[in-house]
Amino acid sequence: MSVDYPTLDEAQEKRIAAVHGGFLYQHLFAVGCLLKANGSDVSHLVIERDEDVEIALADTRIYVQVKTRVEPLVPSDLNTAFDRFQQLRDQHTQGQRHGTAVFVVASNQPPGPKLSASIERKELADDVHFIYPGQAMPTELACLPACQPDLARMVADCVRLAEMVPHGVLVPESLVWKLAGKVQAAATGREDLGGYTFHTKMLPALFEQILTQLQRLPALEANYLPQIDEPELINGERIRIICGFSGAGKTSWCAQAAIRSPEPCVYFNARETAGPALARSLTREITGAVVDSPHEINELFATGASGIDSLNALDRHLEAQGA
């Protein structure tokens, strides 16, 4: 996107662009954390308090300092961060904060020679981790997104994660920018904008993941006449096939029988549903019909969950409910 006129102060323009670029990278990292937290063991995320991003799990709290640099990291980039890490570590050790503390430096650049030498000599605490582009993510940090070398690839990776959100109504890129705005608002700490914290139980609503029954049995005819030897809708069999020519009255029979059924009935027309979408669509219809609070079933909304995963999670929930 071009601009009309040259700036009055090129140095200031570059400084301001760098500041905004750093904040945007940080916000996109937090967006990645939100997308990976959905349906996971993460309890909540905190934005811009003691660290840039804090991820709370059952017995662990991960503190993330996000850095964007043009060159590899040097010790002076992190002196104040390491001092703050020690203060936080002491509070966890003394029982003033819950769980075990883990500290992460997330950057678009790897550690430089001096910092790498300190890491090799184990001069840093064991609970301090560095993540940067191309580095394998430790298992204990699986809830964090990968770092990317620049903003464009950071956006692309967030979009990739957003594409894995099931039952969403937003275009993935739109979801990413919505979340980036929410993270920016959270960084202000304003209570009227939601405060600093994102609780994972609110993520399905934030992601606009909706499970609504879209298909219904057709309306009954005013004067329905039963046919000879109509089968019972429920006879104890788990799977049945009712065959008949088109227009023979199969759907009308089903609609009439469902009214008299003691069990909830869900109608699903699979004729125009693509094979890969069948399980996810079926999950949507069943959940929308028989589950009062679907957002309480975390596995249904987990980022990366397949249609079969969601259907199995729904089956386990219904079995636990005695349905």
Protein backbone atom coordinates (compact mmCIF):
# COMPACT_ATOMS: atom_id res chain seq x y z
CA MET A 1 0.00 0.00 0.00
CA SER A 2 1.64 3.23 -1.14
CA VAL A 3 1.61 6.62 0.62
CA ASP A 4 1.05 9.98 -1.01
CA TYR A 5 3.93 12.02 0.41
CA PRO A 6 7.33 11.39 2.04
CA THR A 7 7.39 11.71 5.82
CA LEU A 8 8.79 14.82 7.51
CA ASP A 9 10.92 12.73 9.87
CA GLU A 10 12.02 9.39 8.45
CA ALA A 11 13.82 8.34 11.64
CA GLN A 12 10.70 8.94 13.72
CA GLU A 13 8.60 7.02 11.21
CA LYS A 14 10.91 4.02 11.52
CA ARG A 15 10.89 4.18 15.31
CA ILE A 16 7.10 4.30 15.46
CA ALA A 17 6.77 1.48 12.92
CA ALA A 18 9.16 -0.65 14.97
CA VAL A 19 7.20 -0.03 18.18
CA HIS A 20 3.88 -0.92 16.57
CA GLY A 21 5.45 -3.92 14.85
CA GLY A 22 6.73 -5.21 18.17
CA PHE A 23 3.34 -4.85 19.82
CA LEU A 24 1.58 -6.49 16.88
CA TYR A 25 3.98 -9.45 16.99
CA GLN A 26 3.28 -9.76 20.71
CA HIS A 27 -0.48 -9.56 20.18
CA LEU A 28 -0.35 -12.20 17.43
CA PHE A 29 1.67 -14.47 19.70
CA ALA A 30 -1.11 -14.10 22.28
CA VAL A 31 -3.69 -14.87 19.57
CA GLY A 32 -1.81 -18.09 18.86
CA CYS A 33 -1.91 -18.90 22.58
CA LEU A 34 -5.68 -18.35 22.63
CA LEU A 35 -6.22 -20.56 19.59
CA LYS A 36 -4.12 -23.36 21.09
CA ALA A 37 -5.74 -22.98 24.52
CA ASN A 38 -9.22 -23.77 23.22
CA GLY A 39 -10.23 -27.21 24.48
CA SER A 40 -6.85 -27.75 26.19
CA ASP A 41 -5.71 -27.99 29.82
CA VAL A 42 -5.11 -24.24 29.97
CA SER A 43 -7.26 -22.53 32.61
CA HIS A 44 -6.78 -18.92 31.57
CA LEU A 45 -4.46 -16.45 29.87
CA VAL A 46 -3.37 -13.07 31.20
CA ILE A 47 -2.17 -10.27 28.92
CA GLU A 48 0.44 -7.61 29.85
CA ARG A 49 0.71 -7.93 33.59
CA ASP A 50 3.94 -9.30 35.07
CA GLU A 51 4.86 -10.59 31.62
CA ASP A 52 3.65 -10.07 28.07
CA VAL A 53 1.61 -13.29 28.18
CA GLU A 54 0.91 -15.61 31.12
CA ILE A 55 -0.63 -19.06 30.65
CA ALA A 56 -2.15 -20.72 33.70
CA LEU A 57 -2.51 -24.50 33.84
CA ALA A 58 -3.53 -26.70 36.77
CA ASP A 59 -0.11 -26.78 38.47
CA THR A 60 2.03 -24.59 36.21
CA ARG A 61 2.16 -20.94 35.23
CA ILE A 62 4.09 -20.04 32.09
CA TYR A 63 5.44 -16.50 31.87
CA VAL A 64 6.31 -15.40 28.32
CA GLN A 65 8.46 -12.42 27.41
CA VAL A 66 8.02 -11.69 23.68
CA LYS A 67 10.88 -9.99 21.83
CA THR A 68 11.15 -8.78 18.25
CA ARG A 69 14.59 -7.82 17.01
CA VAL A 70 16.40 -7.24 13.72
CA GLU A 71 19.52 -9.07 14.97
CA PRO A 72 19.97 -12.11 17.26
CA LEU A 73 19.29 -11.54 20.95
CA VAL A 74 22.03 -10.18 23.18
CA PRO A 75 22.18 -10.31 27.02
CA SER A 76 21.24 -6.63 27.37
CA ASP A 77 17.90 -7.38 25.65
CA LEU A 78 16.90 -9.52 28.61
CA ASN A 79 18.55 -8.12 31.75
CA THR A 80 15.36 -6.62 33.17
CA ALA A 81 13.35 -9.68 32.11
CA PHE A 82 15.73 -12.02 33.97
CA ASP A 83 15.49 -9.83 37.09
CA ARG A 84 11.69 -10.02 36.92
CA PHE A 85 11.85 -13.79 36.34
CA GLN A 86 13.77 -14.12 39.61
CA GLN A 87 11.21 -12.09 41.54
CA LEU A 88 8.40 -14.23 40.14
CA ARG A 89 10.36 -17.42 40.83
CA ASP A 90 10.80 -16.37 44.47
CA GLN A 91 7.07 -15.75 44.87
CA HIS A 92 6.28 -19.24 43.55
CA THR A 93 8.95 -20.82 45.76
CA GLN A 94 7.59 -19.03 48.83
CA GLY A 95 4.03 -20.14 48.06
CA GLN A 96 2.76 -16.65 47.29
CA ARG A 97 1.77 -17.86 43.81
CA HIS A 98 0.23 -21.18 42.90
CA GLY A 99 2.06 -23.92 41.03
CA THR A 100 5.43 -24.20 39.34
CA ALA A 101 6.79 -21.25 37.39
CA VAL A 102 8.14 -21.69 33.86
CA PHE A 103 9.75 -18.79 31.98
CA VAL A 104 9.92 -18.37 28.22
CA VAL A 105 11.64 -15.89 25.94
CA ALA A 106 9.76 -16.00 22.63
CA SER A 107 11.46 -14.16 19.80
CA ASN A 108 11.65 -13.79 16.04
CA GLN A 109 15.45 -14.08 16.43
CA PRO A 110 17.60 -16.80 18.02
CA PRO A 111 19.99 -16.08 20.90
CA GLY A 112 23.20 -14.43 19.73
CA PRO A 113 26.71 -15.83 20.40
CA LYS A 114 27.09 -14.43 23.94
CA LEU A 115 23.63 -15.52 25.04
CA SER A 116 24.07 -18.92 23.40
CA ALA A 117 27.35 -19.38 25.27
CA SER A 118 25.60 -18.59 28.57
CA ILE A 119 22.91 -21.15 27.74
CA GLU A 120 25.53 -23.77 26.85
CA ARG A 121 27.40 -23.15 30.11
CA LYS A 122 24.07 -23.52 31.97
CA GLU A 123 24.43 -20.07 33.51
CA LEU A 124 20.69 -19.56 33.23
CA ALA A 125 18.13 -21.30 35.43
CA ASP A 126 16.69 -24.59 34.17
CA ASP A 127 13.19 -23.13 34.15
CA VAL A 128 14.07 -20.56 31.45
CA HIS A 129 13.36 -21.57 27.85
CA PHE A 130 14.02 -19.86 24.52
CA ILE A 131 11.74 -20.39 21.55
CA TYR A 132 12.45 -18.94 18.12
CA PRO A 133 11.86 -19.80 14.44
CA GLY A 134 13.03 -23.25 13.42
CA GLN A 135 13.46 -24.53 16.96
CA ALA A 136 11.59 -27.63 18.12
CA MET A 137 8.99 -26.83 20.77
CA PRO A 138 9.54 -28.63 24.12
CA THR A 139 6.66 -30.89 25.16
CA GLU A 140 5.95 -28.86 28.28
CA LEU A 141 5.40 -25.79 26.09
CA ALA A 142 2.97 -27.43 23.67
CA CYS A 143 0.34 -24.82 24.55
CA LEU A 144 2.47 -22.09 22.93
CA PRO A 145 2.44 -21.21 19.22
CA ALA A 146 5.59 -21.37 17.14
CA CYS A 147 7.57 -18.16 16.70
CA GLN A 148 7.89 -16.82 13.17
CA PRO A 149 10.61 -14.61 11.67
CA ASP A 150 8.29 -11.77 10.63
CA LEU A 151 4.79 -10.39 10.99
CA ALA A 152 3.48 -11.75 7.69
CA ARG A 153 4.37 -15.32 8.64
CA MET A 154 3.06 -14.76 12.16
CA VAL A 155 -0.31 -13.79 10.69
CA ALA A 156 -0.23 -16.80 8.34
CA ASP A 157 0.47 -19.18 11.23
CA CYS A 158 -2.39 -17.72 13.27
CA VAL A 159 -4.70 -18.15 10.27
CA ARG A 160 -3.54 -21.77 9.99
CA LEU A 161 -4.50 -22.34 13.64
CA ALA A 162 -7.82 -20.53 13.12
CA GLU A 163 -8.59 -22.87 10.21
CA MET A 164 -8.48 -25.74 12.73
CA VAL A 165 -11.20 -24.25 14.94
CA PRO A 166 -14.29 -26.47 14.55
CA HIS A 167 -17.87 -25.23 14.25
CA GLY A 168 -16.79 -21.63 13.68
CA VAL A 169 -18.86 -19.14 11.71
CA LEU A 170 -16.05 -16.65 11.08
CA VAL A 171 -13.60 -16.74 8.19
CA PRO A 172 -10.24 -17.77 9.77
CA GLU A 173 -8.48 -14.50 8.90
CA SER A 174 -11.39 -12.51 10.33
CA LEU A 175 -11.17 -14.53 13.55
CA VAL A 176 -7.44 -13.79 13.83
CA TRP A 177 -7.90 -10.03 13.52
CA LYS A 178 -10.87 -10.08 15.89
CA LEU A 179 -8.73 -11.83 18.50
CA ALA A 180 -5.83 -9.44 17.91
CA GLY A 181 -8.16 -6.56 18.70
CA LYS A 182 -9.41 -8.34 21.82
CA VAL A 183 -5.82 -8.93 22.98
CA GLN A 184 -4.98 -5.27 22.43
CA ALA A 185 -8.03 -4.31 24.50
CA ALA A 186 -7.00 -6.76 27.24
CA ALA A 187 -3.55 -5.14 27.37
CA THR A 188 -5.22 -1.93 28.58
CA GLY A 189 -6.63 -3.76 31.60
CA ARG A 190 -9.90 -1.85 31.36
CA GLU A 191 -12.68 -3.75 33.10
CA ASP A 192 -15.29 -2.31 30.75
CA LEU A 193 -13.36 -4.03 27.91
CA GLY A 194 -13.07 -7.36 29.72
CA GLY A 195 -9.94 -6.86 31.83
CA TYR A 196 -6.57 -8.59 31.47
CA THR A 197 -7.77 -12.20 31.54
CA PHE A 198 -9.18 -14.66 29.02
CA HIS A 199 -10.76 -17.73 30.66
CA THR A 200 -10.80 -20.75 28.37
CA LYS A 201 -14.46 -21.45 29.14
CA MET A 202 -15.32 -18.21 27.30
CA LEU A 203 -13.31 -19.05 24.17
CA PRO A 204 -16.04 -20.91 22.20
CA ALA A 205 -18.25 -17.83 22.43
CA LEU A 206 -15.31 -15.54 21.63
CA PHE A 207 -14.42 -17.70 18.63
CA GLU A 208 -18.11 -17.70 17.61
CA GLN A 209 -18.24 -21.49 17.60
CA ILE A 210 -21.91 -22.33 17.27
CA LEU A 211 -23.66 -25.68 17.43
CA THR A 212 -27.21 -25.11 16.24
CA GLN A 213 -29.62 -27.62 14.77
CA LEU A 214 -30.16 -26.55 11.17
CA GLN A 215 -32.31 -29.42 9.91
CA ARG A 216 -35.80 -30.23 11.09
CA LEU A 217 -38.31 -32.88 10.20
CA PRO A 218 -40.82 -31.53 7.69
CA ALA A 219 -44.12 -30.19 8.95
CA LEU A 220 -46.82 -32.81 9.33
CA GLU A 221 -49.59 -32.99 6.82
CA ALA A 222 -52.96 -31.82 8.13
CA ASN A 223 -54.56 -35.22 7.51
CA TYR A 224 -51.84 -37.83 7.79
CA LEU A 225 -53.09 -41.33 6.95
CA PRO A 226 -50.94 -44.17 8.26
CA GLN A 227 -49.96 -46.76 5.70
CA ILE A 228 -50.49 -50.47 6.08
CA ASP A 229 -47.80 -52.23 8.14
CA GLU A 230 -45.89 -49.08 9.06
CA PRO A 231 -42.81 -50.04 11.14
CA GLU A 232 -42.24 -48.80 14.66
CA LEU A 233 -39.76 -45.93 14.84
CA ILE A 234 -38.04 -47.37 17.93
CA ASN A 235 -37.77 -51.13 18.26
CA GLY A 236 -34.52 -51.63 20.19
CA GLU A 237 -32.25 -51.94 17.15
CA ARG A 238 -29.27 -49.57 16.98
CA ILE A 239 -29.20 -49.35 13.18
CA ARG A 240 -32.12 -49.76 10.79
CA ILE A 241 -32.63 -49.11 7.10
CA ILE A 242 -36.08 -48.06 5.90
CA CYS A 243 -36.29 -48.43 2.12
CA GLY A 244 -38.87 -47.18 -0.31
CA PHE A 245 -39.32 -45.38 -3.59
CA SER A 246 -39.06 -41.60 -3.72
CA GLY A 247 -42.39 -40.11 -2.65
CA ALA A 248 -43.49 -43.27 -0.85
CA GLY A 249 -43.92 -41.34 2.42
CA LYS A 250 -40.79 -42.31 4.39
CA THR A 251 -40.09 -38.80 5.70
CA SER A 252 -43.75 -38.16 6.53
CA TRP A 253 -43.87 -41.44 8.44
CA CYS A 254 -40.73 -40.45 10.36
CA ALA A 255 -42.12 -37.01 11.26
CA GLN A 256 -45.39 -38.52 12.49
CA ALA A 257 -43.66 -41.27 14.47
CA ALA A 258 -41.22 -38.81 16.08
CA ILE A 259 -44.13 -36.94 17.68
CA ARG A 260 -45.16 -40.09 19.53
CA SER A 261 -41.61 -41.14 20.45
CA PRO A 262 -40.64 -41.07 24.15
CA GLU A 263 -37.03 -40.36 23.10
CA PRO A 264 -35.65 -37.20 21.44
CA CYS A 265 -35.35 -37.60 17.68
CA VAL A 266 -32.87 -35.85 15.40
CA TYR A 267 -33.42 -35.60 11.66
CA PHE A 268 -30.35 -35.42 9.41
CA ASN A 269 -30.45 -35.42 5.63
CA ALA A 270 -27.04 -36.66 4.49
CA ARG A 271 -27.82 -36.65 0.77
CA GLU A 272 -26.05 -33.38 -0.04
CA THR A 273 -23.40 -33.53 2.68
CA ALA A 274 -19.82 -34.12 1.51
CA GLY A 275 -18.17 -37.18 3.04
CA PRO A 276 -15.44 -35.29 4.95
CA ALA A 277 -18.07 -32.99 6.49
CA LEU A 278 -20.47 -35.75 7.54
CA ALA A 279 -19.22 -36.34 11.10
CA ARG A 280 -18.93 -32.64 11.91
CA SER A 281 -22.38 -31.87 10.47
CA LEU A 282 -23.93 -34.78 12.35
CA THR A 283 -22.30 -33.56 15.58
CA ARG A 284 -23.79 -30.11 15.02
CA GLU A 285 -27.31 -31.45 14.48
CA ILE A 286 -27.30 -33.84 17.44
CA THR A 287 -25.71 -31.35 19.82
CA GLY A 288 -28.05 -28.56 18.78
CA ALA A 289 -31.05 -30.82 19.33
CA VAL A 290 -30.31 -32.59 22.62
CA VAL A 291 -27.55 -30.72 24.53
CA ASP A 292 -28.61 -27.70 26.59
CA SER A 293 -25.12 -26.24 27.19
CA PRO A 294 -22.80 -27.50 24.44
CA HIS A 295 -19.99 -25.09 25.41
CA GLU A 296 -19.50 -27.15 28.57
CA ILE A 297 -18.17 -30.01 26.41
CA ASN A 298 -14.65 -28.66 25.85
CA GLU A 299 -13.60 -31.42 23.46
CA LEU A 300 -16.25 -30.37 20.95
CA PHE A 301 -14.52 -27.04 20.42
CA ALA A 302 -10.85 -27.99 20.75
CA THR A 303 -8.68 -26.45 18.05
CA GLY A 304 -7.66 -29.22 15.67
CA ALA A 305 -10.45 -31.60 16.68
CA SER A 306 -11.71 -33.62 13.72
CA GLY A 307 -15.34 -34.40 13.05
CA ILE A 308 -14.85 -37.91 14.43
CA ASP A 309 -13.16 -36.47 17.55
CA SER A 310 -16.15 -34.20 18.13
CA LEU A 311 -18.65 -36.99 17.53
CA ASN A 312 -16.83 -39.27 19.99
CA ALA A 313 -16.73 -36.48 22.58
CA LEU A 314 -20.46 -35.95 22.15
CA ASP A 315 -21.08 -39.70 22.51
CA ARG A 316 -19.10 -39.81 25.77
CA HIS A 317 -21.02 -36.80 27.10
CA LEU A 318 -24.41 -38.30 26.26
CA GLU A 319 -23.41 -41.63 27.79
CA ALA A 320 -22.31 -39.86 30.99
CA GLN A 321 -25.66 -38.06 31.06
CA GLY A 322 -27.49 -41.36 30.67
CA ALA A 323 -28.90 -40.32 27.31
